[in-house]
Amino acid sequence: MENRQKFDGYAAQYDEWFMKNEQLFTSELKLFQKALGDISGKRLLSVGCGSGLFESNIDCSAVDGLEPSEDMGRIAEKRGIRIVKYGLIEDYQIPADTYDIIYFNGSSSYITDLLPVYEKCLAALKQGGKLILLDVPKESAFGCMYLLGKSLNTYDHEYLRDILLELPYPLELASSGVWHSTEEKIGVLKRLGVKEFVFYQTLTKNPMYTNEEPEEVSEGYKSGGYVAIIAQKPEV
């Protein structure tokens, strides 16, 4: 399938974007760490782990990775993640009651049908486990910017002039995204029986200002350019 290799050939550009936008990366990393919480003694699965850039800033010895792109996954392995499969979550059977935390750090934005994927992940969590979804919401300023770039097939357009970061997210990756709203993901999780949620957000400034300085994490989800949904596995 074509979308198995969406990020093949873009591993260097992906890491470069975060390294060039260092303050933005620090803000997202703070959200990532806040959402995961204390992971000592826990087993984690990163769905679409990418290059393992975020995980390289935590103890990732207990993190398993699932990654469609071999380019990305090879880098993640060097950073300490154990790749359990090169492929799509849609094609992977996760053993039931295996993980304390399963998380999608941006990878939900590359999945069309969320319900069967989230259902599979909830089943793979231990009782009391958490499904964590970190994403650029479709409705955020970043989401609208990516969708406009995708529609125009370029960032070099008068509509986007003077509103972008100096180095915007690679257009090829933004264009291949599906982009879901936060409310859509909440709705899917509620359909699967999830009742307990916690929300955190960052990147609340307009995109062109988000790399000026790191931002502290705040509660909620209605203002962030990057949002974490923490869903507790429903009791059986």
C-alpha atoms as a PDB file:
ATOM      1  CA  MET A   1       0.000   0.000   0.000  1.00  0.00           C
ATOM      2  CA  GLU A   2       1.223   3.484  -0.844  1.00  0.00           C
ATOM      3  CA  ASN A   3       0.717   4.942   2.632  1.00  0.00           C
ATOM      4  CA  ARG A   4       3.069   2.412   4.189  1.00  0.00           C
ATOM      5  CA  GLN A   5       5.985   4.576   3.111  1.00  0.00           C
ATOM      6  CA  LYS A   6       4.573   8.072   3.627  1.00  0.00           C
ATOM      7  CA  PHE A   7       7.659   9.123   5.538  1.00  0.00           C
ATOM      8  CA  ASP A   8      10.234   7.120   3.579  1.00  0.00           C
ATOM      9  CA  GLY A   9      12.774   9.565   2.217  1.00  0.00           C
ATOM     10  CA  TYR A  10      11.721  12.295   4.654  1.00  0.00           C
ATOM     11  CA  ALA A  11      13.359  11.135   7.904  1.00  0.00           C
ATOM     12  CA  ALA A  12      16.087  13.785   7.691  1.00  0.00           C
ATOM     13  CA  GLN A  13      13.602  16.555   6.827  1.00  0.00           C
ATOM     14  CA  TYR A  14      11.340  15.516   9.714  1.00  0.00           C
ATOM     15  CA  ASP A  15      14.135  15.754  12.294  1.00  0.00           C
ATOM     16  CA  GLU A  16      15.528  18.911  10.695  1.00  0.00           C
ATOM     17  CA  TRP A  17      12.169  20.656  11.040  1.00  0.00           C
ATOM     18  CA  PHE A  18      12.133  20.072  14.784  1.00  0.00           C
ATOM     19  CA  MET A  19      15.793  20.973  15.190  1.00  0.00           C
ATOM     20  CA  LYS A  20      15.385  24.241  13.258  1.00  0.00           C
ATOM     21  CA  ASN A  21      12.222  25.029  15.225  1.00  0.00           C
ATOM     22  CA  GLU A  22      13.895  24.236  18.532  1.00  0.00           C
ATOM     23  CA  GLN A  23      11.603  26.268  20.817  1.00  0.00           C
ATOM     24  CA  LEU A  24       8.511  24.751  19.203  1.00  0.00           C
ATOM     25  CA  PHE A  25      10.006  21.289  19.697  1.00  0.00           C
ATOM     26  CA  THR A  26      10.655  22.040  23.366  1.00  0.00           C
ATOM     27  CA  SER A  27       6.998  23.046  23.784  1.00  0.00           C
ATOM     28  CA  GLU A  28       5.799  19.829  22.143  1.00  0.00           C
ATOM     29  CA  LEU A  29       8.274  17.764  24.154  1.00  0.00           C
ATOM     30  CA  LYS A  30       6.914  19.245  27.384  1.00  0.00           C
ATOM     31  CA  LEU A  31       3.416  18.219  26.328  1.00  0.00           C
ATOM     32  CA  PHE A  32       4.637  14.730  25.407  1.00  0.00           C
ATOM     33  CA  GLN A  33       6.312  14.296  28.797  1.00  0.00           C
ATOM     34  CA  LYS A  34       3.322  15.706  30.683  1.00  0.00           C
ATOM     35  CA  ALA A  35       0.895  13.397  28.885  1.00  0.00           C
ATOM     36  CA  LEU A  36       2.996  10.270  29.482  1.00  0.00           C
ATOM     37  CA  GLY A  37       3.609  11.091  33.135  1.00  0.00           C
ATOM     38  CA  ASP A  38       5.702   8.734  35.242  1.00  0.00           C
ATOM     39  CA  ILE A  39       6.485   5.741  33.009  1.00  0.00           C
ATOM     40  CA  SER A  40       8.802   3.903  35.392  1.00  0.00           C
ATOM     41  CA  GLY A  41       7.870   0.230  35.577  1.00  0.00           C
ATOM     42  CA  LYS A  42       5.367   0.586  32.716  1.00  0.00           C
ATOM     43  CA  ARG A  43       5.281  -0.923  29.253  1.00  0.00           C
ATOM     44  CA  LEU A  44       4.520   1.411  26.363  1.00  0.00           C
ATOM     45  CA  LEU A  45       3.676   1.124  22.677  1.00  0.00           C
ATOM     46  CA  SER A  46       4.302   4.035  20.334  1.00  0.00           C
ATOM     47  CA  VAL A  47       2.072   3.731  17.258  1.00  0.00           C
ATOM     48  CA  GLY A  48       3.897   5.399  14.384  1.00  0.00           C
ATOM     49  CA  CYS A  49       7.007   6.081  16.443  1.00  0.00           C
ATOM     50  CA  GLY A  50       8.754   7.855  13.572  1.00  0.00           C
ATOM     51  CA  SER A  51      12.434   8.524  14.161  1.00  0.00           C
ATOM     52  CA  GLY A  52      12.072   8.260  17.941  1.00  0.00           C
ATOM     53  CA  LEU A  53      13.071  11.907  18.312  1.00  0.00           C
ATOM     54  CA  PHE A  54      10.722  12.566  21.229  1.00  0.00           C
ATOM     55  CA  GLU A  55      11.580   9.250  22.881  1.00  0.00           C
ATOM     56  CA  SER A  56      15.293  10.093  22.756  1.00  0.00           C
ATOM     57  CA  ASN A  57      14.516  12.634  25.499  1.00  0.00           C
ATOM     58  CA  ILE A  58      12.996  10.083  27.905  1.00  0.00           C
ATOM     59  CA  ASP A  59      13.906   6.620  29.164  1.00  0.00           C
ATOM     60  CA  CYS A  60      12.644   4.624  26.183  1.00  0.00           C
ATOM     61  CA  SER A  61      13.925   1.235  27.338  1.00  0.00           C
ATOM     62  CA  ALA A  62      10.340   0.059  27.877  1.00  0.00           C
ATOM     63  CA  VAL A  63       8.935   1.586  24.662  1.00  0.00           C
ATOM     64  CA  ASP A  64       7.967  -0.677  21.781  1.00  0.00           C
ATOM     65  CA  GLY A  65       7.516   0.950  18.389  1.00  0.00           C
ATOM     66  CA  LEU A  66       5.278   0.297  15.412  1.00  0.00           C
ATOM     67  CA  GLU A  67       6.400   2.196  12.312  1.00  0.00           C
ATOM     68  CA  PRO A  68       5.434   1.986   8.614  1.00  0.00           C
ATOM     69  CA  SER A  69       8.582   3.729   7.381  1.00  0.00           C
ATOM     70  CA  GLU A  70      11.803   1.739   7.561  1.00  0.00           C
ATOM     71  CA  ASP A  71      13.770   4.971   7.100  1.00  0.00           C
ATOM     72  CA  MET A  72      12.245   6.344  10.278  1.00  0.00           C
ATOM     73  CA  GLY A  73      12.225   3.085  12.194  1.00  0.00           C
ATOM     74  CA  ARG A  74      15.929   2.402  11.721  1.00  0.00           C
ATOM     75  CA  ILE A  75      16.712   5.751  13.343  1.00  0.00           C
ATOM     76  CA  ALA A  76      14.264   5.008  16.178  1.00  0.00           C
ATOM     77  CA  GLU A  77      16.009   1.701  16.842  1.00  0.00           C
ATOM     78  CA  LYS A  78      19.337   3.486  17.144  1.00  0.00           C
ATOM     79  CA  ARG A  79      17.702   5.779  19.682  1.00  0.00           C
ATOM     80  CA  GLY A  80      16.637   2.836  21.831  1.00  0.00           C
ATOM     81  CA  ILE A  81      13.122   1.898  20.709  1.00  0.00           C
ATOM     82  CA  ARG A  82      12.392  -1.755  20.033  1.00  0.00           C
ATOM     83  CA  ILE A  83      10.490  -1.961  16.753  1.00  0.00           C
ATOM     84  CA  VAL A  84       7.879  -4.715  17.070  1.00  0.00           C
ATOM     85  CA  LYS A  85       6.710  -4.334  13.464  1.00  0.00           C
ATOM     86  CA  TYR A  86       7.457  -2.360  10.338  1.00  0.00           C
ATOM     87  CA  GLY A  87       3.977  -1.744   9.058  1.00  0.00           C
ATOM     88  CA  LEU A  88       0.594  -0.165   9.688  1.00  0.00           C
ATOM     89  CA  ILE A  89      -1.370  -0.395  12.915  1.00  0.00           C
ATOM     90  CA  GLU A  90      -4.335  -1.514  10.792  1.00  0.00           C
ATOM     91  CA  ASP A  91      -2.413  -4.693   9.911  1.00  0.00           C
ATOM     92  CA  TYR A  92      -0.942  -5.447  13.335  1.00  0.00           C
ATOM     93  CA  GLN A  93      -2.608  -7.630  15.946  1.00  0.00           C
ATOM     94  CA  ILE A  94      -1.564  -6.327  19.363  1.00  0.00           C
ATOM     95  CA  PRO A  95      -1.775  -8.942  22.127  1.00  0.00           C
ATOM     96  CA  ALA A  96      -4.605  -8.189  24.564  1.00  0.00           C
ATOM     97  CA  ASP A  97      -3.886  -6.705  28.008  1.00  0.00           C
ATOM     98  CA  THR A  98      -0.225  -6.072  27.179  1.00  0.00           C
ATOM     99  CA  TYR A  99       0.529  -2.372  27.592  1.00  0.00           C
ATOM    100  CA  ASP A 100       0.113   0.218  30.324  1.00  0.00           C
ATOM    101  CA  ILE A 101       0.227   3.065  27.809  1.00  0.00           C
ATOM    102  CA  ILE A 102      -0.344   3.145  24.066  1.00  0.00           C
ATOM    103  CA  TYR A 103       0.227   6.489  22.412  1.00  0.00           C
ATOM    104  CA  PHE A 104      -0.017   8.149  18.998  1.00  0.00           C
ATOM    105  CA  ASN A 105       2.308  11.144  18.787  1.00  0.00           C
ATOM    106  CA  GLY A 106       0.981  12.818  15.645  1.00  0.00           C
ATOM    107  CA  SER A 107       0.257   9.515  13.920  1.00  0.00           C
ATOM    108  CA  SER A 108      -3.544   9.688  14.184  1.00  0.00           C
ATOM    109  CA  SER A 109      -3.276  12.382  11.520  1.00  0.00           C
ATOM    110  CA  TYR A 110      -2.272   9.684   9.011  1.00  0.00           C
ATOM    111  CA  ILE A 111      -5.108   7.231   9.784  1.00  0.00           C
ATOM    112  CA  THR A 112      -8.416   7.559   7.938  1.00  0.00           C
ATOM    113  CA  ASP A 113     -10.687   5.288   9.996  1.00  0.00           C
ATOM    114  CA  LEU A 114      -9.891   5.859  13.658  1.00  0.00           C
ATOM    115  CA  LEU A 115     -12.548   3.697  15.317  1.00  0.00           C
ATOM    116  CA  PRO A 116     -11.179   0.184  14.594  1.00  0.00           C
ATOM    117  CA  VAL A 117      -7.639   1.347  15.366  1.00  0.00           C
ATOM    118  CA  TYR A 118      -8.536   2.878  18.734  1.00  0.00           C
ATOM    119  CA  GLU A 119     -10.730  -0.130  19.553  1.00  0.00           C
ATOM    120  CA  LYS A 120      -7.773  -2.447  18.926  1.00  0.00           C
ATOM    121  CA  CYS A 121      -5.529  -0.333  21.122  1.00  0.00           C
ATOM    122  CA  LEU A 122      -7.978  -0.153  24.015  1.00  0.00           C
ATOM    123  CA  ALA A 123      -8.204  -3.963  23.961  1.00  0.00           C
ATOM    124  CA  ALA A 124      -4.410  -4.179  24.095  1.00  0.00           C
ATOM    125  CA  LEU A 125      -4.217  -2.037  27.239  1.00  0.00           C
ATOM    126  CA  LYS A 126      -4.061  -3.527  30.704  1.00  0.00           C
ATOM    127  CA  GLN A 127      -6.922  -2.660  33.043  1.00  0.00           C
ATOM    128  CA  GLY A 128      -6.378   0.929  34.114  1.00  0.00           C
ATOM    129  CA  GLY A 129      -4.194   1.595  31.081  1.00  0.00           C
ATOM    130  CA  LYS A 130      -4.225   4.787  29.067  1.00  0.00           C
ATOM    131  CA  LEU A 131      -4.566   5.579  25.375  1.00  0.00           C
ATOM    132  CA  ILE A 132      -2.842   8.899  24.664  1.00  0.00           C
ATOM    133  CA  LEU A 133      -3.411  10.857  21.457  1.00  0.00           C
ATOM    134  CA  LEU A 134      -1.131  13.813  20.725  1.00  0.00           C
ATOM    135  CA  ASP A 135      -1.975  15.717  17.558  1.00  0.00           C
ATOM    136  CA  VAL A 136      -2.215  18.924  15.602  1.00  0.00           C
ATOM    137  CA  PRO A 137      -5.999  19.437  15.634  1.00  0.00           C
ATOM    138  CA  LYS A 138      -7.657  20.069  12.297  1.00  0.00           C
ATOM    139  CA  GLU A 139      -9.379  23.147  13.713  1.00  0.00           C
ATOM    140  CA  SER A 140      -6.179  24.746  15.063  1.00  0.00           C
ATOM    141  CA  ALA A 141      -4.202  27.461  13.304  1.00  0.00           C
ATOM    142  CA  PHE A 142      -1.551  24.885  12.405  1.00  0.00           C
ATOM    143  CA  GLY A 143      -4.188  22.479  11.082  1.00  0.00           C
ATOM    144  CA  CYS A 144      -5.784  25.164   8.922  1.00  0.00           C
ATOM    145  CA  MET A 145      -2.348  26.201   7.652  1.00  0.00           C
ATOM    146  CA  TYR A 146      -1.491  22.632   6.635  1.00  0.00           C
ATOM    147  CA  LEU A 147      -4.860  22.110   4.967  1.00  0.00           C
ATOM    148  CA  LEU A 148      -4.467  25.348   3.025  1.00  0.00           C
ATOM    149  CA  GLY A 149      -0.965  24.370   1.934  1.00  0.00           C
ATOM    150  CA  LYS A 150      -2.319  20.957   0.926  1.00  0.00           C
ATOM    151  CA  SER A 151      -5.158  22.549  -1.073  1.00  0.00           C
ATOM    152  CA  LEU A 152      -2.832  25.008  -2.816  1.00  0.00           C
ATOM    153  CA  ASN A 153      -0.079  22.391  -3.209  1.00  0.00           C
ATOM    154  CA  THR A 154       2.433  24.995  -2.061  1.00  0.00           C
ATOM    155  CA  TYR A 155       3.351  27.209   0.887  1.00  0.00           C
ATOM    156  CA  ASP A 156       4.601  29.843  -1.547  1.00  0.00           C
ATOM    157  CA  HIS A 157       1.290  31.645  -1.981  1.00  0.00           C
ATOM    158  CA  GLU A 158      -0.039  35.074  -1.062  1.00  0.00           C
ATOM    159  CA  TYR A 159      -2.606  33.487   1.283  1.00  0.00           C
ATOM    160  CA  LEU A 160       0.215  32.055   3.413  1.00  0.00           C
ATOM    161  CA  ARG A 161       2.650  34.932   3.135  1.00  0.00           C
ATOM    162  CA  ASP A 162       3.827  36.312   6.502  1.00  0.00           C
ATOM    163  CA  ILE A 163       1.999  33.731   8.610  1.00  0.00           C
ATOM    164  CA  LEU A 164       4.357  30.722   8.415  1.00  0.00           C
ATOM    165  CA  LEU A 165       7.271  29.645  10.531  1.00  0.00           C
ATOM    166  CA  GLU A 166      10.612  30.398   8.897  1.00  0.00           C
ATOM    167  CA  LEU A 167      10.890  26.673   8.131  1.00  0.00           C
ATOM    168  CA  PRO A 168       7.352  25.234   7.761  1.00  0.00           C
ATOM    169  CA  TYR A 169       6.516  21.565   8.204  1.00  0.00           C
ATOM    170  CA  PRO A 170       7.432  19.669   4.990  1.00  0.00           C
ATOM    171  CA  LEU A 171       4.546  20.105   2.569  1.00  0.00           C
ATOM    172  CA  GLU A 172       4.747  16.494   1.378  1.00  0.00           C
ATOM    173  CA  LEU A 173       4.063  15.286   4.926  1.00  0.00           C
ATOM    174  CA  ALA A 174       1.358  17.851   5.625  1.00  0.00           C
ATOM    175  CA  SER A 175      -0.346  16.993   2.336  1.00  0.00           C
ATOM    176  CA  SER A 176      -0.439  13.266   3.070  1.00  0.00           C
ATOM    177  CA  GLY A 177      -2.155  13.843   6.422  1.00  0.00           C
ATOM    178  CA  VAL A 178      -5.852  13.211   7.029  1.00  0.00           C
ATOM    179  CA  TRP A 179      -6.165  15.737   9.932  1.00  0.00           C
ATOM    180  CA  HIS A 180      -8.899  15.085  12.465  1.00  0.00           C
ATOM    181  CA  SER A 181     -10.496  17.504  14.895  1.00  0.00           C
ATOM    182  CA  THR A 182     -10.162  16.962  18.632  1.00  0.00           C
ATOM    183  CA  GLU A 183     -13.930  16.646  18.975  1.00  0.00           C
ATOM    184  CA  GLU A 184     -13.946  13.923  16.318  1.00  0.00           C
ATOM    185  CA  LYS A 185     -11.395  11.865  18.261  1.00  0.00           C
ATOM    186  CA  ILE A 186     -13.285  12.394  21.519  1.00  0.00           C
ATOM    187  CA  GLY A 187     -16.464  11.236  19.795  1.00  0.00           C
ATOM    188  CA  VAL A 188     -14.784   8.065  18.528  1.00  0.00           C
ATOM    189  CA  LEU A 189     -13.461   7.253  22.007  1.00  0.00           C
ATOM    190  CA  LYS A 190     -16.866   7.841  23.597  1.00  0.00           C
ATOM    191  CA  ARG A 191     -18.407   5.418  21.094  1.00  0.00           C
ATOM    192  CA  LEU A 192     -15.874   2.863  22.387  1.00  0.00           C
ATOM    193  CA  GLY A 193     -17.030   3.377  25.952  1.00  0.00           C
ATOM    194  CA  VAL A 194     -14.352   5.771  27.209  1.00  0.00           C
ATOM    195  CA  LYS A 195     -15.712   8.006  29.979  1.00  0.00           C
ATOM    196  CA  GLU A 196     -12.616   9.383  31.689  1.00  0.00           C
ATOM    197  CA  PHE A 197     -10.568  12.009  29.846  1.00  0.00           C
ATOM    198  CA  VAL A 198      -7.759  14.429  30.634  1.00  0.00           C
ATOM    199  CA  PHE A 199      -6.699  17.132  28.162  1.00  0.00           C
ATOM    200  CA  TYR A 200      -3.513  19.162  27.812  1.00  0.00           C
ATOM    201  CA  GLN A 201      -2.380  21.630  25.161  1.00  0.00           C
ATOM    202  CA  THR A 202       0.495  23.783  23.959  1.00  0.00           C
ATOM    203  CA  LEU A 203       1.387  26.047  20.988  1.00  0.00           C
ATOM    204  CA  THR A 204      -1.447  28.450  21.768  1.00  0.00           C
ATOM    205  CA  LYS A 205       0.176  31.361  19.898  1.00  0.00           C
ATOM    206  CA  ASN A 206      -0.232  32.005  16.193  1.00  0.00           C
ATOM    207  CA  PRO A 207       2.130  29.640  14.311  1.00  0.00           C
ATOM    208  CA  MET A 208       4.626  32.319  13.227  1.00  0.00           C
ATOM    209  CA  TYR A 209       5.339  33.155  16.894  1.00  0.00           C
ATOM    210  CA  THR A 210       5.533  29.648  18.354  1.00  0.00           C
ATOM    211  CA  ASN A 211       9.286  29.327  17.876  1.00  0.00           C
ATOM    212  CA  GLU A 212      10.132  32.474  19.838  1.00  0.00           C
ATOM    213  CA  GLU A 213      10.268  30.730  23.223  1.00  0.00           C
ATOM    214  CA  PRO A 214       9.118  27.446  24.795  1.00  0.00           C
ATOM    215  CA  GLU A 215       5.558  27.390  26.070  1.00  0.00           C
ATOM    216  CA  GLU A 216       4.314  25.795  29.263  1.00  0.00           C
ATOM    217  CA  VAL A 217       1.654  23.097  29.059  1.00  0.00           C
ATOM    218  CA  SER A 218      -1.874  24.113  30.037  1.00  0.00           C
ATOM    219  CA  GLU A 219      -5.057  22.143  30.654  1.00  0.00           C
ATOM    220  CA  GLY A 220      -7.770  21.916  28.013  1.00  0.00           C
ATOM    221  CA  TYR A 221      -7.802  21.525  24.248  1.00  0.00           C
ATOM    222  CA  LYS A 222      -9.653  24.434  22.663  1.00  0.00           C
ATOM    223  CA  SER A 223      -6.691  26.770  22.130  1.00  0.00           C
ATOM    224  CA  GLY A 224      -3.729  24.521  21.360  1.00  0.00           C
ATOM    225  CA  GLY A 225      -1.872  23.909  18.158  1.00  0.00           C
ATOM    226  CA  TYR A 226      -0.787  20.612  19.717  1.00  0.00           C
ATOM    227  CA  VAL A 227      -3.199  18.753  21.984  1.00  0.00           C
ATOM    228  CA  ALA A 228      -3.028  15.647  24.159  1.00  0.00           C
ATOM    229  CA  ILE A 229      -6.089  13.501  24.819  1.00  0.00           C
ATOM    230  CA  ILE A 230      -5.537  11.035  27.664  1.00  0.00           C
ATOM    231  CA  ALA A 231      -8.250   8.366  27.636  1.00  0.00           C
ATOM    232  CA  GLN A 232      -8.625   5.848  30.456  1.00  0.00           C
ATOM    233  CA  LYS A 233      -9.452   2.300  29.373  1.00  0.00           C
ATOM    234  CA  PRO A 234     -13.090   1.584  30.322  1.00  0.00           C
ATOM    235  CA  GLU A 235     -13.633  -0.915  33.108  1.00  0.00           C
ATOM    236  CA  VAL A 236     -14.902  -4.271  31.927  1.00  0.00           C
END
